Amino acid sequence: QVQLVESGGGLVQAGGSLRLSCTASSGNPFVVHDMGWYRQAPGKQRELVATITNGYSTNYADSVKGRFTISRDNAKKTVYLQMNSLKPEDTAVYYCNAQVVVPRYLEVWGQGTLVTVSS
């Protein structure tokens, strides 16, 4: 069993910044491949925000390009999302996602962290 624990959400004014973190852990050895962040706003479907491979290749939703930066620390099995120039439309629950091998392949989700951007 692999768990993802997120932190860093909160309330911020428009134009502000937040940094989300997500760490993968387990009582057994495992390998982390792609990691990413998704978000779900009230009344909307969950959508991709950004992903990063274990080779550090990144992919972003058009709506966050130039404002958000995804990064990871493979030694700590941690992924980060630096969010700058936040807008009210960025308000959502942000979920961490990881593809892990334990040794079988699993897709794991975090519990979600709420980001609220006030206008």
N, C-alpha and C. Protein backbone atom coordinates (compact mmCIF):
# COMPACT_ATOMS: atom_id res chain seq x y z
N GLN A 1 0.84 -1.19 0.00
CA GLN A 1 0.00 0.00 0.00
C GLN A 1 0.88 1.24 0.00
N VAL A 2 0.63 2.15 -0.94
CA VAL A 2 1.36 3.41 -1.01
C VAL A 2 0.39 4.53 -0.70
N GLN A 3 0.83 5.46 0.12
CA GLN A 3 0.00 6.61 0.47
C GLN A 3 0.63 7.89 -0.04
N LEU A 4 -0.22 8.83 -0.42
CA LEU A 4 0.22 10.17 -0.81
C LEU A 4 -0.34 11.16 0.20
N VAL A 5 0.54 11.95 0.77
CA VAL A 5 0.13 12.95 1.76
C VAL A 5 0.44 14.33 1.21
N GLU A 6 -0.61 15.15 1.09
CA GLU A 6 -0.48 16.49 0.52
C GLU A 6 -0.47 17.53 1.63
N SER A 7 0.13 18.67 1.32
CA SER A 7 0.10 19.81 2.23
C SER A 7 0.28 21.09 1.43
N GLY A 8 -0.06 22.21 2.04
CA GLY A 8 0.22 23.50 1.43
C GLY A 8 -0.98 24.28 0.94
N GLY A 9 -2.16 23.69 0.98
CA GLY A 9 -3.34 24.42 0.53
C GLY A 9 -3.70 25.52 1.52
N GLY A 10 -4.66 26.35 1.13
CA GLY A 10 -5.10 27.42 2.01
C GLY A 10 -5.82 28.50 1.26
N LEU A 11 -5.99 29.63 1.95
CA LEU A 11 -6.68 30.79 1.40
C LEU A 11 -5.65 31.84 1.03
N VAL A 12 -5.78 32.39 -0.18
CA VAL A 12 -4.85 33.40 -0.65
C VAL A 12 -5.61 34.40 -1.50
N GLN A 13 -5.14 35.63 -1.52
CA GLN A 13 -5.75 36.64 -2.37
C GLN A 13 -5.30 36.48 -3.82
N ALA A 14 -6.13 36.95 -4.72
CA ALA A 14 -5.77 36.93 -6.14
C ALA A 14 -4.43 37.63 -6.35
N GLY A 15 -3.59 37.01 -7.17
CA GLY A 15 -2.25 37.52 -7.40
C GLY A 15 -1.20 36.93 -6.49
N GLY A 16 -1.65 36.23 -5.47
CA GLY A 16 -0.73 35.64 -4.50
C GLY A 16 -0.17 34.30 -4.97
N SER A 17 0.57 33.67 -4.06
CA SER A 17 1.25 32.41 -4.37
C SER A 17 1.01 31.38 -3.28
N LEU A 18 1.06 30.13 -3.67
CA LEU A 18 1.02 29.00 -2.74
C LEU A 18 1.92 27.91 -3.30
N ARG A 19 2.42 27.06 -2.41
CA ARG A 19 3.22 25.91 -2.82
C ARG A 19 2.63 24.66 -2.22
N LEU A 20 2.25 23.73 -3.07
CA LEU A 20 1.73 22.45 -2.62
C LEU A 20 2.85 21.41 -2.63
N SER A 21 2.77 20.49 -1.67
CA SER A 21 3.72 19.38 -1.60
C SER A 21 2.96 18.08 -1.47
N CYS A 22 3.54 17.02 -1.97
CA CYS A 22 2.93 15.69 -1.87
C CYS A 22 4.04 14.65 -1.78
N THR A 23 4.00 13.85 -0.72
CA THR A 23 5.03 12.84 -0.49
C THR A 23 4.42 11.45 -0.51
N ALA A 24 5.06 10.56 -1.24
CA ALA A 24 4.64 9.16 -1.31
C ALA A 24 5.38 8.35 -0.25
N SER A 25 4.64 7.46 0.42
CA SER A 25 5.26 6.63 1.44
C SER A 25 4.59 5.27 1.49
N SER A 26 5.36 4.30 2.00
CA SER A 26 4.84 2.93 2.14
C SER A 26 5.74 2.18 3.11
N GLY A 27 5.22 1.12 3.69
CA GLY A 27 6.03 0.27 4.55
C GLY A 27 6.88 -0.71 3.77
N ASN A 28 6.67 -0.75 2.45
CA ASN A 28 7.40 -1.66 1.57
C ASN A 28 8.13 -0.89 0.48
N PRO A 29 9.19 -1.46 -0.10
CA PRO A 29 9.90 -0.77 -1.18
C PRO A 29 8.99 -0.53 -2.37
N PHE A 30 9.16 0.61 -3.01
CA PHE A 30 8.38 0.91 -4.20
C PHE A 30 9.12 1.93 -5.04
N VAL A 31 8.73 2.01 -6.31
CA VAL A 31 9.32 2.95 -7.26
C VAL A 31 8.23 3.88 -7.74
N VAL A 32 8.53 5.17 -7.81
CA VAL A 32 7.58 6.16 -8.28
C VAL A 32 7.93 6.56 -9.70
N HIS A 33 6.96 6.46 -10.57
CA HIS A 33 7.15 6.93 -11.94
C HIS A 33 6.54 8.32 -12.09
N ASP A 34 5.58 8.49 -13.00
CA ASP A 34 5.00 9.81 -13.20
C ASP A 34 4.26 10.29 -11.95
N MET A 35 4.35 11.58 -11.68
CA MET A 35 3.58 12.23 -10.61
C MET A 35 2.88 13.44 -11.19
N GLY A 36 1.81 13.85 -10.53
CA GLY A 36 1.10 15.00 -11.09
C GLY A 36 0.12 15.59 -10.11
N TRP A 37 -0.45 16.70 -10.53
CA TRP A 37 -1.48 17.39 -9.78
C TRP A 37 -2.72 17.55 -10.66
N TYR A 38 -3.87 17.29 -10.05
CA TYR A 38 -5.15 17.48 -10.69
C TYR A 38 -5.97 18.37 -9.77
N ARG A 39 -7.04 18.94 -10.27
CA ARG A 39 -7.90 19.75 -9.43
C ARG A 39 -9.36 19.58 -9.82
N GLN A 40 -10.21 19.82 -8.83
CA GLN A 40 -11.65 19.72 -9.06
C GLN A 40 -12.33 20.89 -8.38
N ALA A 41 -12.93 21.74 -9.20
CA ALA A 41 -13.68 22.88 -8.68
C ALA A 41 -15.11 22.44 -8.42
N PRO A 42 -15.83 23.16 -7.57
CA PRO A 42 -17.22 22.81 -7.27
C PRO A 42 -18.06 22.73 -8.54
N GLY A 43 -18.77 21.60 -8.69
CA GLY A 43 -19.64 21.43 -9.83
C GLY A 43 -18.95 21.09 -11.13
N LYS A 44 -17.64 20.87 -11.09
CA LYS A 44 -16.89 20.58 -12.31
C LYS A 44 -16.17 19.24 -12.19
N GLN A 45 -15.74 18.72 -13.33
CA GLN A 45 -15.00 17.47 -13.34
C GLN A 45 -13.54 17.71 -12.93
N ARG A 46 -12.92 16.66 -12.44
CA ARG A 46 -11.50 16.75 -12.12
C ARG A 46 -10.71 16.95 -13.41
N GLU A 47 -9.72 17.84 -13.35
CA GLU A 47 -8.93 18.14 -14.54
C GLU A 47 -7.45 18.12 -14.22
N LEU A 48 -6.66 17.83 -15.24
CA LEU A 48 -5.21 17.81 -15.08
C LEU A 48 -4.70 19.24 -14.91
N VAL A 49 -3.75 19.40 -13.99
CA VAL A 49 -3.07 20.67 -13.81
C VAL A 49 -1.65 20.57 -14.40
N ALA A 50 -0.90 19.58 -13.92
CA ALA A 50 0.47 19.41 -14.38
C ALA A 50 0.96 18.01 -14.03
N THR A 51 1.85 17.49 -14.86
CA THR A 51 2.48 16.20 -14.58
C THR A 51 3.98 16.30 -14.79
N ILE A 52 4.70 15.37 -14.17
CA ILE A 52 6.15 15.33 -14.31
C ILE A 52 6.60 13.88 -14.26
N THR A 53 7.46 13.50 -15.19
CA THR A 53 7.98 12.14 -15.20
C THR A 53 9.16 12.04 -14.25
N ASN A 54 9.63 10.81 -13.99
CA ASN A 54 10.80 10.68 -13.12
C ASN A 54 12.07 11.12 -13.83
N GLY A 55 11.96 11.43 -15.13
CA GLY A 55 13.05 12.05 -15.87
C GLY A 55 12.90 13.55 -15.97
N TYR A 56 11.93 14.11 -15.25
CA TYR A 56 11.70 15.55 -15.10
C TYR A 56 11.07 16.21 -16.32
N SER A 57 10.49 15.45 -17.24
CA SER A 57 9.71 16.04 -18.31
C SER A 57 8.38 16.49 -17.75
N THR A 58 7.93 17.68 -18.15
CA THR A 58 6.72 18.26 -17.57
C THR A 58 5.66 18.51 -18.64
N ASN A 59 4.42 18.58 -18.15
CA ASN A 59 3.27 18.87 -19.00
C ASN A 59 2.31 19.71 -18.17
N TYR A 60 1.75 20.76 -18.79
CA TYR A 60 0.86 21.67 -18.07
C TYR A 60 -0.45 21.88 -18.82
N ALA A 61 -1.51 22.11 -18.06
CA ALA A 61 -2.74 22.58 -18.66
C ALA A 61 -2.51 24.00 -19.18
N ASP A 62 -3.17 24.33 -20.29
CA ASP A 62 -2.99 25.66 -20.87
C ASP A 62 -3.34 26.76 -19.88
N SER A 63 -4.31 26.50 -19.02
CA SER A 63 -4.81 27.52 -18.10
C SER A 63 -3.79 27.91 -17.03
N VAL A 64 -2.76 27.08 -16.82
CA VAL A 64 -1.79 27.37 -15.76
C VAL A 64 -0.38 27.61 -16.30
N LYS A 65 -0.19 27.45 -17.59
CA LYS A 65 1.14 27.65 -18.18
C LYS A 65 1.64 29.06 -17.90
N GLY A 66 2.90 29.15 -17.47
CA GLY A 66 3.50 30.44 -17.16
C GLY A 66 3.23 30.91 -15.75
N ARG A 67 2.31 30.26 -15.04
CA ARG A 67 1.99 30.66 -13.66
C ARG A 67 2.35 29.57 -12.65
N PHE A 68 2.17 28.32 -13.02
CA PHE A 68 2.45 27.19 -12.13
C PHE A 68 3.71 26.47 -12.58
N THR A 69 4.44 25.92 -11.61
CA THR A 69 5.62 25.14 -11.91
C THR A 69 5.58 23.85 -11.08
N ILE A 70 5.68 22.71 -11.77
CA ILE A 70 5.74 21.42 -11.09
C ILE A 70 7.20 20.98 -11.02
N SER A 71 7.57 20.39 -9.89
CA SER A 71 8.92 19.88 -9.71
C SER A 71 8.86 18.67 -8.80
N ARG A 72 9.96 17.95 -8.71
CA ARG A 72 9.97 16.77 -7.84
C ARG A 72 11.36 16.52 -7.30
N ASP A 73 11.38 15.82 -6.17
CA ASP A 73 12.62 15.36 -5.54
C ASP A 73 12.51 13.85 -5.48
N ASN A 74 13.20 13.17 -6.38
CA ASN A 74 13.06 11.72 -6.46
C ASN A 74 13.56 11.03 -5.19
N ALA A 75 14.58 11.56 -4.58
CA ALA A 75 15.11 10.95 -3.36
C ALA A 75 14.08 10.99 -2.23
N LYS A 76 13.27 12.04 -2.20
CA LYS A 76 12.25 12.18 -1.15
C LYS A 76 10.89 11.68 -1.61
N LYS A 77 10.79 11.22 -2.87
CA LYS A 77 9.52 10.76 -3.42
C LYS A 77 8.44 11.83 -3.23
N THR A 78 8.82 13.06 -3.53
CA THR A 78 7.95 14.20 -3.30
C THR A 78 7.79 15.01 -4.58
N VAL A 79 6.56 15.49 -4.81
CA VAL A 79 6.28 16.37 -5.93
C VAL A 79 5.74 17.68 -5.37
N TYR A 80 6.09 18.77 -6.05
CA TYR A 80 5.70 20.10 -5.61
C TYR A 80 4.93 20.80 -6.73
N LEU A 81 4.09 21.74 -6.33
CA LEU A 81 3.43 22.60 -7.30
C LEU A 81 3.53 24.04 -6.78
N GLN A 82 4.35 24.82 -7.43
CA GLN A 82 4.46 26.24 -7.10
C GLN A 82 3.44 26.99 -7.94
N MET A 83 2.52 27.68 -7.24
CA MET A 83 1.44 28.37 -7.92
C MET A 83 1.60 29.87 -7.69
N ASN A 84 1.84 30.60 -8.76
CA ASN A 84 1.99 32.05 -8.70
C ASN A 84 0.87 32.73 -9.47
N SER A 85 0.71 34.02 -9.23
CA SER A 85 -0.32 34.81 -9.93
C SER A 85 -1.67 34.10 -9.89
N LEU A 86 -2.05 33.66 -8.71
CA LEU A 86 -3.28 32.89 -8.56
C LEU A 86 -4.50 33.73 -8.90
N LYS A 87 -5.50 33.06 -9.48
CA LYS A 87 -6.74 33.69 -9.88
C LYS A 87 -7.90 33.02 -9.15
N PRO A 88 -9.03 33.72 -8.99
CA PRO A 88 -10.18 33.08 -8.34
C PRO A 88 -10.59 31.78 -9.03
N GLU A 89 -10.41 31.70 -10.33
CA GLU A 89 -10.78 30.47 -11.04
C GLU A 89 -9.84 29.30 -10.76
N ASP A 90 -8.77 29.55 -10.04
CA ASP A 90 -7.90 28.44 -9.60
C ASP A 90 -8.43 27.78 -8.33
N THR A 91 -9.48 28.33 -7.75
CA THR A 91 -10.06 27.74 -6.55
C THR A 91 -10.56 26.33 -6.84
N ALA A 92 -10.10 25.38 -6.05
CA ALA A 92 -10.45 23.97 -6.26
C ALA A 92 -9.80 23.13 -5.17
N VAL A 93 -10.21 21.87 -5.13
CA VAL A 93 -9.47 20.88 -4.34
C VAL A 93 -8.39 20.31 -5.27
N TYR A 94 -7.16 20.34 -4.82
CA TYR A 94 -6.03 19.87 -5.62
C TYR A 94 -5.63 18.48 -5.13
N TYR A 95 -5.52 17.56 -6.07
CA TYR A 95 -5.20 16.17 -5.77
C TYR A 95 -3.85 15.79 -6.36
N CYS A 96 -3.06 15.13 -5.55
CA CYS A 96 -1.79 14.57 -6.01
C CYS A 96 -2.05 13.19 -6.60
N ASN A 97 -1.30 12.85 -7.63
CA ASN A 97 -1.43 11.56 -8.30
C ASN A 97 -0.04 10.99 -8.55
N ALA A 98 0.10 9.68 -8.38
CA ALA A 98 1.39 9.05 -8.66
C ALA A 98 1.18 7.67 -9.25
N GLN A 99 2.04 7.33 -10.17
CA GLN A 99 2.08 5.98 -10.73
C GLN A 99 3.26 5.27 -10.09
N VAL A 100 2.97 4.19 -9.38
CA VAL A 100 4.01 3.52 -8.60
C VAL A 100 4.08 2.05 -8.97
N VAL A 101 5.21 1.44 -8.66
CA VAL A 101 5.41 0.01 -8.88
C VAL A 101 5.80 -0.60 -7.55
N VAL A 102 5.00 -1.60 -7.05
CA VAL A 102 5.18 -2.07 -5.69
C VAL A 102 5.35 -3.57 -5.46
N PRO A 103 5.71 -4.51 -6.37
CA PRO A 103 6.18 -4.24 -7.72
C PRO A 103 5.09 -4.14 -8.78
N ARG A 104 3.84 -4.53 -8.47
CA ARG A 104 2.85 -4.37 -9.53
C ARG A 104 2.51 -2.89 -9.69
N TYR A 105 2.01 -2.55 -10.86
CA TYR A 105 1.72 -1.15 -11.17
C TYR A 105 0.45 -0.70 -10.44
N LEU A 106 0.51 0.48 -9.84
CA LEU A 106 -0.65 1.08 -9.17
C LEU A 106 -0.73 2.56 -9.51
N GLU A 107 -1.94 3.08 -9.56
CA GLU A 107 -2.15 4.52 -9.64
C GLU A 107 -2.75 4.95 -8.31
N VAL A 108 -2.10 5.90 -7.66
CA VAL A 108 -2.48 6.30 -6.31
C VAL A 108 -2.87 7.77 -6.30
N TRP A 109 -3.88 8.10 -5.48
CA TRP A 109 -4.34 9.48 -5.33
C TRP A 109 -4.20 9.93 -3.87
N GLY A 110 -3.91 11.20 -3.70
CA GLY A 110 -3.92 11.79 -2.38
C GLY A 110 -5.34 12.14 -1.97
N GLN A 111 -5.47 12.64 -0.73
CA GLN A 111 -6.80 12.93 -0.19
C GLN A 111 -7.32 14.29 -0.65
N GLY A 112 -6.47 15.11 -1.20
CA GLY A 112 -6.87 16.42 -1.68
C GLY A 112 -6.57 17.52 -0.69
N THR A 113 -6.23 18.69 -1.21
CA THR A 113 -6.01 19.87 -0.37
C THR A 113 -6.71 21.05 -1.03
N LEU A 114 -7.43 21.82 -0.22
CA LEU A 114 -8.26 22.90 -0.76
C LEU A 114 -7.43 24.17 -0.95
N VAL A 115 -7.55 24.73 -2.14
CA VAL A 115 -6.96 26.03 -2.46
C VAL A 115 -8.10 26.99 -2.77
N THR A 116 -8.15 28.08 -2.02
CA THR A 116 -9.19 29.09 -2.22
C THR A 116 -8.52 30.42 -2.54
N VAL A 117 -8.90 30.99 -3.69
CA VAL A 117 -8.33 32.28 -4.11
C VAL A 117 -9.44 33.32 -4.08
N SER A 118 -9.27 34.31 -3.24
CA SER A 118 -10.29 35.35 -3.10
C SER A 118 -9.98 36.52 -4.04
N SER A 119 -11.04 37.15 -4.50
CA SER A 119 -10.87 38.27 -5.45
C SER A 119 -10.73 39.59 -4.72
